[in-house]
Protein backbone atom coordinates (compact mmCIF):
# COMPACT_ATOMS: atom_id res chain seq x y z
CA UNK A 1 -26.11 45.89 15.57
CA UNK A 2 -27.39 43.09 17.81
CA UNK A 3 -29.37 41.71 14.90
CA UNK A 4 -26.19 41.49 12.78
CA UNK A 5 -24.32 39.88 15.65
CA UNK A 6 -27.08 37.30 16.15
CA UNK A 7 -27.10 36.57 12.42
CA UNK A 8 -23.32 36.17 12.35
CA UNK A 9 -23.45 33.89 15.38
CA UNK A 10 -26.14 31.75 13.73
CA UNK A 11 -24.04 31.48 10.56
CA UNK A 12 -21.01 30.54 12.63
CA UNK A 13 -22.93 27.83 14.49
CA UNK A 14 -24.25 26.43 11.20
CA UNK A 15 -20.75 26.36 9.70
CA UNK A 16 -19.35 24.75 12.84
CA UNK A 17 -22.02 22.05 12.76
CA UNK A 18 -21.34 21.35 9.08
CA UNK A 19 -17.58 21.18 9.70
CA UNK A 20 -18.10 18.81 12.64
CA UNK A 21 -20.25 16.58 10.42
CA UNK A 22 -17.64 16.75 7.66
CA UNK A 23 -14.91 15.79 10.12
CA UNK A 24 -16.92 12.77 11.23
CA UNK A 25 -17.52 11.78 7.59
CA UNK A 26 -13.82 12.22 6.84
CA UNK A 27 -12.88 9.95 9.75
CA UNK A 28 -15.01 7.17 8.21
CA UNK A 29 -13.33 7.29 4.80
CA UNK A 30 -12.02 4.00 3.50
CA UNK A 31 -10.95 2.95 0.01
CA UNK A 32 -10.30 -0.59 -1.19
CA UNK A 33 -8.63 -1.38 -4.52
CA UNK A 34 -8.01 -4.76 -6.13
CA UNK A 35 -4.96 -5.12 -8.38
CA UNK A 36 -5.78 -5.64 -12.06
CA UNK A 37 -4.39 -9.18 -11.88
CA UNK A 38 -6.37 -9.82 -8.66
CA UNK A 39 -3.19 -10.75 -6.77
CA UNK A 40 -3.48 -8.03 -4.12
CA UNK A 41 -6.25 -6.04 -2.44
CA UNK A 42 -5.34 -2.95 -0.42
CA UNK A 43 -7.53 -0.89 1.91
CA UNK A 44 -6.52 2.52 3.24
CA UNK A 45 -8.07 4.86 5.79
CA UNK A 46 -8.81 8.58 5.68
CA UNK A 47 -5.18 9.64 5.97
CA UNK A 48 -4.00 7.15 3.37
CA UNK A 49 -2.77 4.72 6.01
CA UNK A 50 -2.82 1.07 5.00
CA UNK A 51 -5.52 -0.65 7.09
CA UNK A 52 -5.72 -4.00 5.32
CA UNK A 53 -3.69 -5.92 2.79
CA UNK A 54 -5.10 -9.12 1.36
CA UNK A 55 -3.87 -11.68 -1.14
CA UNK A 56 -7.09 -13.20 -2.54
CA UNK A 57 -5.25 -15.71 -4.73
CA UNK A 58 -1.94 -17.55 -4.51
CA UNK A 59 -0.67 -15.68 -7.59
CA UNK A 60 1.65 -13.52 -5.45
CA UNK A 61 3.70 -16.64 -4.57
CA UNK A 62 4.94 -17.05 -8.13
CA UNK A 63 5.63 -13.38 -8.80
CA UNK A 64 9.21 -12.13 -8.92
CA UNK A 65 9.89 -9.78 -5.97
CA UNK A 66 10.16 -6.68 -8.17
CA UNK A 67 6.81 -7.43 -9.84
CA UNK A 68 5.10 -8.06 -6.48
CA UNK A 69 6.56 -4.82 -5.12
CA UNK A 70 5.30 -2.94 -8.17
CA UNK A 71 1.79 -4.42 -7.87
CA UNK A 72 1.73 -3.58 -4.15
CA UNK A 73 2.88 0.01 -4.68
CA UNK A 74 0.45 0.58 -7.57
CA UNK A 75 -2.51 -0.92 -5.71
CA UNK A 76 -1.82 0.94 -2.47
CA UNK A 77 -1.25 4.16 -4.44
CA UNK A 78 -4.59 3.75 -6.21
CA UNK A 79 -6.37 3.18 -2.90
CA UNK A 80 -4.72 6.28 -1.46
CA UNK A 81 -5.80 8.33 -4.48
CA UNK A 82 -9.38 7.14 -4.04
CA UNK A 83 -9.33 8.02 -0.33
CA UNK A 84 -7.89 11.46 -1.13
CA UNK A 85 -10.67 11.99 -3.67
CA UNK A 86 -13.29 11.05 -1.09
CA UNK A 87 -11.70 13.44 1.41
CA UNK A 88 -11.70 16.26 -1.16
CA UNK A 89 -15.38 15.53 -1.87
CA UNK A 90 -16.19 15.85 1.85
CA UNK A 91 -14.53 19.27 2.17
CA UNK A 92 -15.17 20.68 -1.33
CA UNK A 93 -18.50 22.31 -0.28
CA UNK A 94 -16.51 24.59 2.05
CA UNK A 95 -14.55 26.13 -0.81
CA UNK A 96 -11.34 25.50 -2.73
CA UNK A 97 -8.80 23.27 -1.04
CA UNK A 98 -5.37 24.97 -1.10
CA UNK A 99 -2.89 22.94 -3.11
CA UNK A 100 -5.54 20.76 -4.73
CA UNK A 101 -6.42 21.36 -8.34
CA UNK A 102 -9.92 22.87 -8.69
CA UNK A 103 -11.42 19.61 -9.97
CA UNK A 104 -9.31 17.38 -7.74
CA UNK A 105 -8.36 15.41 -10.85
CA UNK A 106 -4.90 16.95 -11.11
CA UNK A 107 -3.88 15.94 -7.60
CA UNK A 108 -1.91 18.23 -5.36
CA UNK A 109 -0.15 21.22 -6.88
CA UNK A 110 2.42 23.64 -5.58
CA UNK A 111 0.81 26.42 -3.55
CA UNK A 112 1.29 29.96 -4.79
CA UNK A 113 2.00 31.59 -1.43
CA UNK A 114 2.14 35.09 -2.89
CA UNK A 115 -1.43 34.74 -4.21
CA UNK A 116 -2.59 33.08 -1.00
CA UNK A 117 -1.26 35.91 1.18
CA UNK A 118 -2.12 38.77 -1.24
CA UNK A 119 -5.28 39.86 0.66
CA UNK A 120 -3.31 40.14 3.91
CA UNK A 121 -0.52 42.04 2.18
CA UNK A 122 -3.09 44.46 0.67
CA UNK A 123 -4.38 45.23 4.16
CA UNK A 124 -0.85 45.95 5.33
CA UNK A 125 -0.71 42.91 7.61
CA UNK A 126 2.57 41.06 8.10
CA UNK A 127 2.97 37.86 6.09
CA UNK A 128 5.66 35.20 6.24
CA UNK A 129 8.27 35.32 3.50
CA UNK A 130 7.51 32.95 0.64
CA UNK A 131 10.13 30.40 -0.27
CA UNK A 132 10.44 29.36 -3.89
CA UNK A 133 10.15 25.60 -4.30
CA UNK A 134 13.12 23.66 -5.61
CA UNK A 135 12.62 21.84 -8.92
CA UNK A 136 12.64 18.47 -7.15
CA UNK A 137 10.23 19.60 -4.46
CA UNK A 138 6.71 18.22 -4.45
CA UNK A 139 5.58 20.99 -2.12
CA UNK A 140 5.71 21.45 1.64
CA UNK A 141 2.94 18.94 2.32
CA UNK A 142 4.65 16.27 0.25
CA UNK A 143 7.98 17.10 1.91
CA UNK A 144 6.36 16.58 5.32
CA UNK A 145 4.83 13.28 4.27
CA UNK A 146 8.10 12.01 2.81
CA UNK A 147 10.07 13.15 5.85
CA UNK A 148 7.61 11.40 8.17
CA UNK A 149 7.72 8.20 6.11
CA UNK A 150 11.51 8.24 5.96
CA UNK A 151 12.00 8.83 9.68
CA UNK A 152 13.51 5.67 11.21
CA UNK A 153 11.53 3.97 13.92
CA UNK A 154 8.39 6.10 13.50
CA UNK A 155 6.23 3.19 12.41
CA UNK A 156 6.84 1.13 15.52
CA UNK A 157 8.91 -1.32 13.47
CA UNK A 158 12.57 -2.06 13.56
CA UNK A 159 15.16 0.43 12.46
CA UNK A 160 17.50 -0.39 9.59
């Protein structure tokens, strides 16, 4: 019995060390993307936050506002996708990431809560009720992100 306990403790310590290292690696994630027309360069951090925005040429000055906005959104979105891919790569060795397609190529997908909680249900343990997503819903995680982004005054800037 003590031998099994010691083995389990050693496995736990190894997993904890690996997770600590993964967390440190995740905190260092950064992705930089240059727009195809080289008008904008965007850098984001591990949580997809914009950490740098650069205009390497004067091309942005002659762009119509809608075109500049589109280039900015596309470039920042690409940088965020790269950072998310790096983050998935850091944590992939620990097993499947709930909500992320198995290859990571398909992006985030709606979680199947019934499947996720099935082992608990089989053991007779209480599980929270699952809520069916609405057709327009991008999932709970996306809802949280959108709600946080839409909250007035949360970015330290002025409210509209």
